């Protein structure tokens, strides 16, 4: 799912993926471009002609649409931890430091197309010497992050973050950068990050892998779509959500129907979506733009966190 966009259909949560279109690791991504979307991070999720950007927003929408299979916490203190972990892994620097641990000897770093794409994505150098220079500091931070999990959240021997019988959304929000960096050969020095250093973290990740394997075995397999077919299915569908309204008290002072731009400010910030403002809430902005193929309107959904919204040609902005 990290390099794909998915097309769910409204059944239960575990069976929601109707079609899956894998995406190349670097730009261009022609079928996403065909939808008129400039946002460059993946995955994306399309439900009808509503396209959702950013994994955190995707997870929120799935939780809302499939309440009978929700993975989110129900108690307020657990919801707080779930939300804080979602912010910690991204806004707290966990993923950014994990990305700095890509080994300089990784073969892809010999590919100028890949390094240029990543420099465009992250806004920093991806030259081998610069990656090597950043590693010691990144290792120090990652060791602190591992230690936090080992000696606070998992310290009492619980199987899952919320001390539940199965993995929940809080586990997903916390585990993904650690799962990724552990699986990247050469990223972590074994003397500092072996199973003997952080046994509870490694056991937690092993349990998560087993749970994912079991879920995949029991779930229907999504249809792998070609790009043109995925775009066709989206264009033939209706909108999944009503339009919504623009918050009259939002500090940006924007109006419904106003032409605006929206883009992430932490990574992928050189790629801006633009269109008519359909809705603006405390957590989400929705733009209407026209697909290049099919020439129908689509709605692009961005979260508010770490996104900037501004009127085209000036006006209110963050």
Protein backbone atom coordinates (compact mmCIF):
# COMPACT_ATOMS: atom_id res chain seq x y z
CA UNK A 1 0.00 0.00 0.00
CA UNK A 2 2.97 2.34 0.38
CA UNK A 3 3.33 2.70 -3.41
CA UNK A 4 -0.21 2.29 -4.53
CA UNK A 5 -3.56 3.89 -4.60
CA UNK A 6 -6.58 1.89 -3.58
CA UNK A 7 -10.20 1.93 -4.64
CA UNK A 8 -12.38 0.66 -1.77
CA UNK A 9 -16.00 -0.34 -2.15
CA UNK A 10 -18.38 0.00 0.80
CA UNK A 11 -18.24 -3.39 2.49
CA UNK A 12 -16.56 -4.01 5.83
CA UNK A 13 -13.14 -2.63 6.75
CA UNK A 14 -11.10 -5.78 6.13
CA UNK A 15 -12.69 -6.30 2.72
CA UNK A 16 -12.76 -2.68 1.60
CA UNK A 17 -10.08 -2.78 -1.09
CA UNK A 18 -11.76 -3.29 -4.45
CA UNK A 19 -8.88 -2.38 -6.74
CA UNK A 20 -5.18 -1.77 -6.26
CA UNK A 21 -2.86 0.06 -8.66
CA UNK A 22 0.79 -0.07 -7.74
CA UNK A 23 2.79 3.07 -8.42
CA UNK A 24 6.41 3.52 -9.52
CA UNK A 25 8.77 4.68 -6.75
CA UNK A 26 9.69 7.86 -8.66
CA UNK A 27 7.85 10.42 -10.76
CA UNK A 28 6.17 10.55 -13.20
CA UNK A 29 3.07 8.64 -12.11
CA UNK A 30 1.01 8.97 -15.24
CA UNK A 31 -2.33 7.62 -14.03
CA UNK A 32 -2.34 9.93 -10.98
CA UNK A 33 -1.42 12.79 -13.30
CA UNK A 34 -4.37 11.80 -15.52
CA UNK A 35 -6.67 12.52 -12.58
CA UNK A 36 -5.32 16.08 -12.43
CA UNK A 37 -3.61 15.45 -9.09
CA UNK A 38 -0.24 17.11 -8.40
CA UNK A 39 0.24 15.68 -4.88
CA UNK A 40 3.21 13.32 -5.14
CA UNK A 41 3.16 11.18 -2.00
CA UNK A 42 1.70 7.69 -2.00
CA UNK A 43 -0.54 5.91 -1.21
CA UNK A 44 -3.74 7.60 -2.34
CA UNK A 45 -7.25 6.26 -1.88
CA UNK A 46 -10.19 6.85 -4.21
CA UNK A 47 -13.78 6.20 -3.15
CA UNK A 48 -15.83 7.17 -6.15
CA UNK A 49 -14.54 10.50 -7.41
CA UNK A 50 -13.30 11.53 -3.96
CA UNK A 51 -9.52 11.08 -3.75
CA UNK A 52 -7.90 11.09 -0.31
CA UNK A 53 -4.27 12.12 0.18
CA UNK A 54 -2.05 11.38 3.20
CA UNK A 55 -2.16 8.05 5.05
CA UNK A 56 -3.45 9.58 8.27
CA UNK A 57 -6.49 11.04 6.50
CA UNK A 58 -7.03 7.74 4.65
CA UNK A 59 -7.10 5.84 7.94
CA UNK A 60 -9.55 8.34 9.44
CA UNK A 61 -11.90 7.97 6.46
CA UNK A 62 -11.77 4.17 6.59
CA UNK A 63 -12.58 4.29 10.31
CA UNK A 64 -15.60 6.51 9.60
CA UNK A 65 -16.93 4.55 6.63
CA UNK A 66 -16.60 1.08 8.16
CA UNK A 67 -17.55 1.50 11.84
CA UNK A 68 -18.42 -2.18 12.26
CA UNK A 69 -14.76 -3.05 11.69
CA UNK A 70 -13.10 -0.07 13.32
CA UNK A 71 -9.57 -0.41 14.68
CA UNK A 72 -9.60 2.92 16.49
CA UNK A 73 -9.67 3.36 20.24
CA UNK A 74 -13.01 3.90 21.98
CA UNK A 75 -11.91 5.38 25.32
CA UNK A 76 -10.72 8.98 25.53
CA UNK A 77 -7.33 8.21 27.10
CA UNK A 78 -6.64 5.57 24.46
CA UNK A 79 -7.73 7.95 21.70
CA UNK A 80 -5.26 10.48 23.07
CA UNK A 81 -2.36 8.01 22.92
CA UNK A 82 -3.40 6.90 19.44
CA UNK A 83 -3.43 10.51 18.20
CA UNK A 84 -0.16 11.40 19.89
CA UNK A 85 1.58 8.39 18.33
CA UNK A 86 0.32 9.43 14.89
CA UNK A 87 1.89 12.84 15.40
CA UNK A 88 5.06 11.46 17.01
CA UNK A 89 6.00 9.20 14.10
CA UNK A 90 5.69 12.01 11.55
CA UNK A 91 5.75 15.40 13.25
CA UNK A 92 8.03 14.15 16.05
CA UNK A 93 10.77 13.22 13.61
CA UNK A 94 10.71 9.41 13.77
CA UNK A 95 10.16 8.89 10.05
CA UNK A 96 12.50 11.73 9.07
CA UNK A 97 15.33 10.19 11.10
CA UNK A 98 14.55 6.71 9.76
CA UNK A 99 14.79 8.06 6.20
CA UNK A 100 18.26 9.42 7.01
CA UNK A 101 19.37 5.85 7.74
CA UNK A 102 19.09 4.62 4.16
CA UNK A 103 22.54 3.03 3.68
CA UNK A 104 24.92 4.97 1.40
CA UNK A 105 25.78 1.69 -0.34
CA UNK A 106 22.16 1.12 -1.35
CA UNK A 107 22.19 0.38 -5.13
CA UNK A 108 19.39 2.87 -5.86
CA UNK A 109 21.69 5.69 -4.74
CA UNK A 110 23.75 5.01 -7.86
CA UNK A 111 20.73 5.95 -9.98
CA UNK A 112 20.70 9.72 -10.72
CA UNK A 113 16.97 9.57 -11.51
CA UNK A 114 16.21 8.16 -8.05
CA UNK A 115 18.43 10.60 -6.14
CA UNK A 116 17.08 13.58 -8.08
CA UNK A 117 13.51 12.44 -7.36
CA UNK A 118 14.23 12.09 -3.64
CA UNK A 119 15.88 15.51 -3.51
CA UNK A 120 12.72 16.95 -5.08
CA UNK A 121 10.61 15.04 -2.54
CA UNK A 122 12.55 15.82 0.64
CA UNK A 123 14.12 19.16 -0.26
CA UNK A 124 17.62 18.06 0.80
CA UNK A 125 20.70 16.46 -0.70
CA UNK A 126 20.68 12.72 -1.41
CA UNK A 127 24.34 12.56 -2.36
CA UNK A 128 26.12 9.62 -0.74
CA UNK A 129 28.58 11.76 1.19
CA UNK A 130 25.78 13.86 2.69
CA UNK A 131 23.81 10.75 3.66
CA UNK A 132 26.88 9.29 5.36
CA UNK A 133 27.48 12.56 7.22
CA UNK A 134 23.93 12.60 8.62
CA UNK A 135 23.96 8.96 9.82
CA UNK A 136 25.53 9.34 13.30
CA UNK A 137 23.01 11.94 14.41
CA UNK A 138 20.12 9.94 12.92
CA UNK A 139 21.31 6.77 14.71
CA UNK A 140 21.40 8.63 18.02
CA UNK A 141 17.82 9.82 17.56
CA UNK A 142 16.56 6.41 16.44
CA UNK A 143 18.11 4.79 19.50
CA UNK A 144 16.17 7.23 21.67
CA UNK A 145 12.95 6.41 19.76
CA UNK A 146 13.48 2.65 20.17
CA UNK A 147 14.24 3.17 23.86
CA UNK A 148 10.99 5.10 24.32
CA UNK A 149 8.95 2.18 23.00
CA UNK A 150 10.95 -0.45 24.88
CA UNK A 151 10.93 1.25 28.27
CA UNK A 152 7.58 3.03 28.37
CA UNK A 153 4.78 1.78 26.12
CA UNK A 154 5.93 -1.85 25.92
CA UNK A 155 7.74 -1.97 29.27
CA UNK A 156 5.05 -3.92 31.14
CA UNK A 157 5.17 -6.78 28.64
CA UNK A 158 1.91 -6.00 26.88
CA UNK A 159 1.41 -7.46 23.41
CA UNK A 160 -0.12 -4.35 21.86
CA UNK A 161 0.13 -0.60 22.47
CA UNK A 162 -3.30 -0.29 24.13
CA UNK A 163 -2.97 -3.62 25.97
CA UNK A 164 -5.65 -5.14 23.74
CA UNK A 165 -6.12 -8.66 22.44
CA UNK A 166 -5.34 -7.69 18.84
CA UNK A 167 -3.46 -4.91 17.03
CA UNK A 168 -5.35 -1.63 16.85
CA UNK A 169 -4.97 1.65 15.00
CA UNK A 170 -2.58 2.85 17.73
CA UNK A 171 -0.21 0.01 16.79
CA UNK A 172 -0.38 0.96 13.11
CA UNK A 173 0.30 4.62 13.91
CA UNK A 174 3.36 3.70 15.97
CA UNK A 175 4.91 0.72 14.24
CA UNK A 176 5.33 1.61 10.58
CA UNK A 177 8.65 3.57 10.62
CA UNK A 178 10.24 1.01 12.96
CA UNK A 179 9.00 -1.88 10.84
CA UNK A 180 10.40 -0.16 7.74
CA UNK A 181 13.82 0.70 9.10
CA UNK A 182 14.36 -2.74 10.69
CA UNK A 183 13.57 -4.34 7.34
CA UNK A 184 16.10 -2.19 5.48
CA UNK A 185 19.36 -4.12 5.36
CA UNK A 186 22.31 -2.07 6.56
CA UNK A 187 20.22 0.76 7.99
CA UNK A 188 20.76 0.02 11.69
CA UNK A 189 24.07 -0.99 13.32
CA UNK A 190 23.45 -4.47 14.85
CA UNK A 191 25.54 -3.68 17.92
CA UNK A 192 23.09 -0.92 18.91
CA UNK A 193 19.80 -2.21 17.50
CA UNK A 194 19.87 -6.00 17.85
CA UNK A 195 17.08 -8.05 19.38
CA UNK A 196 19.07 -8.20 22.60
CA UNK A 197 19.02 -4.38 22.79
CA UNK A 198 15.28 -3.96 22.27
CA UNK A 199 13.62 -7.38 22.73
CA UNK A 200 10.13 -6.00 23.36
CA UNK A 201 10.17 -3.84 20.22
CA UNK A 202 11.30 -6.75 18.05
CA UNK A 203 8.71 -9.09 19.60
CA UNK A 204 5.98 -6.49 18.97
CA UNK A 205 7.00 -6.19 15.31
CA UNK A 206 7.05 -10.00 14.94
CA UNK A 207 3.52 -10.21 16.38
CA UNK A 208 2.39 -7.49 14.00
CA UNK A 209 3.84 -9.36 11.00
CA UNK A 210 2.02 -12.50 12.09
CA UNK A 211 -1.26 -10.59 12.46
CA UNK A 212 -0.87 -9.04 8.99
CA UNK A 213 -0.10 -12.45 7.49
CA UNK A 214 -3.20 -13.92 9.09
CA UNK A 215 -5.41 -11.02 7.95
CA UNK A 216 -4.15 -11.28 4.38
CA UNK A 217 -4.82 -15.03 4.32
CA UNK A 218 -8.46 -14.56 5.32
CA UNK A 219 -9.22 -11.45 3.27
CA UNK A 220 -10.27 -11.41 -0.40
CA UNK A 221 -7.46 -10.40 -2.71
CA UNK A 222 -7.87 -6.99 -4.37
CA UNK A 223 -7.90 -6.76 -8.15
CA UNK A 224 -4.64 -5.44 -9.54
CA UNK A 225 -5.62 -2.76 -12.03
CA UNK A 226 -3.80 -1.14 -14.89
CA UNK A 227 -3.61 2.63 -14.69
CA UNK A 228 -6.11 3.30 -17.45
CA UNK A 229 -8.66 0.94 -15.88
CA UNK A 230 -8.25 2.53 -12.46
CA UNK A 231 -8.80 6.01 -13.91
CA UNK A 232 -11.82 4.74 -15.88
CA UNK A 233 -13.44 3.28 -12.76
CA UNK A 234 -12.96 6.52 -10.86
CA UNK A 235 -14.34 8.63 -13.70
CA UNK A 236 -17.44 6.43 -14.04
CA UNK A 237 -18.27 6.68 -10.34
CA UNK A 238 -20.22 9.27 -8.38
CA UNK A 239 -18.90 11.31 -5.49
CA UNK A 240 -18.73 9.35 -2.25
CA UNK A 241 -19.30 12.36 0.03
CA UNK A 242 -21.62 15.36 -0.06
CA UNK A 243 -19.85 18.64 -0.75
CA UNK A 244 -19.74 20.04 2.76
CA UNK A 245 -19.22 23.66 3.73
CA UNK A 246 -16.42 26.11 4.40
CA UNK A 247 -16.07 26.96 8.09
CA UNK A 248 -17.12 30.59 8.34
CA UNK A 249 -14.93 30.99 11.44
CA UNK A 250 -11.78 29.51 9.92
CA UNK A 251 -8.87 31.93 10.46
CA UNK A 252 -7.84 31.75 6.78
CA UNK A 253 -10.96 33.66 5.76
CA UNK A 254 -11.47 31.65 2.57
CA UNK A 255 -14.82 31.35 0.76
CA UNK A 256 -16.61 28.39 -0.80
CA UNK A 257 -15.96 28.35 -4.56
CA UNK A 258 -12.76 30.40 -4.24
CA UNK A 259 -9.81 29.17 -6.31
CA UNK A 260 -7.07 28.00 -3.96
CA UNK A 261 -3.89 25.93 -3.76
CA UNK A 262 -3.10 23.29 -1.14
CA UNK A 263 0.16 21.44 -0.57
CA UNK A 264 2.20 19.67 2.14
CA UNK A 265 4.89 21.70 3.87
CA UNK A 266 7.02 18.87 5.30
CA UNK A 267 7.82 16.85 2.15
CA UNK A 268 6.65 16.88 -1.45
CA UNK A 269 6.08 20.62 -1.06
CA UNK A 270 7.05 21.49 -4.64
CA UNK A 271 3.84 19.91 -5.93
CA UNK A 272 0.65 21.88 -5.34
CA UNK A 273 -2.94 20.92 -6.01
CA UNK A 274 -5.28 23.68 -7.06
CA UNK A 275 -9.00 24.05 -7.64
CA UNK A 276 -12.24 25.46 -6.31
CA UNK A 277 -12.64 25.27 -2.56
CA UNK A 278 -15.44 22.80 -1.84
CA UNK A 279 -15.12 22.41 1.92
CA UNK A 280 -12.85 23.49 4.75
CA UNK A 281 -13.05 22.04 8.27
CA UNK A 282 -10.73 21.92 11.25
CA UNK A 283 -9.10 18.76 9.93
CA UNK A 284 -9.63 18.71 6.15
CA UNK A 285 -9.65 20.77 2.95
CA UNK A 286 -11.47 19.60 -0.19
CA UNK A 287 -10.72 20.99 -3.65
CA UNK A 288 -12.63 20.48 -6.89
CA UNK A 289 -10.51 20.04 -9.99
CA UNK A 290 -11.04 18.48 -13.41
CA UNK A 291 -9.38 15.22 -14.46
CA UNK A 292 -7.33 15.34 -17.64
CA UNK A 293 -8.98 12.12 -18.85
CA UNK A 294 -12.76 11.99 -18.80
CA UNK A 295 -12.95 15.74 -18.06
CA UNK A 296 -15.12 15.22 -15.02
CA UNK A 297 -14.67 16.92 -11.70
CA UNK A 298 -12.96 15.09 -8.86
CA UNK A 299 -12.64 16.10 -5.22
CA UNK A 300 -9.14 16.08 -3.73
CA UNK A 301 -9.02 15.73 0.05
CA UNK A 302 -6.01 16.98 2.05
CA UNK A 303 -5.60 17.02 5.83
CA UNK A 304 -4.97 20.36 7.54
CA UNK A 305 -1.96 19.21 9.57
CA UNK A 306 1.28 20.18 7.82
CA UNK A 307 -0.56 21.44 4.74
CA UNK A 308 -0.72 25.04 3.54
CA UNK A 309 -3.78 26.50 1.86
CA UNK A 310 -3.85 29.83 0.09
CA UNK A 311 -5.96 31.72 -2.38
CA UNK A 312 -4.45 31.76 -5.85
CA UNK A 313 -3.16 35.21 -6.65
CA UNK A 314 -2.84 36.19 -3.00
CA UNK A 315 -5.34 36.38 -0.19
CA UNK A 316 -5.65 34.47 3.03
CA UNK A 317 -3.09 31.79 3.81
CA UNK A 318 -1.55 29.92 6.72
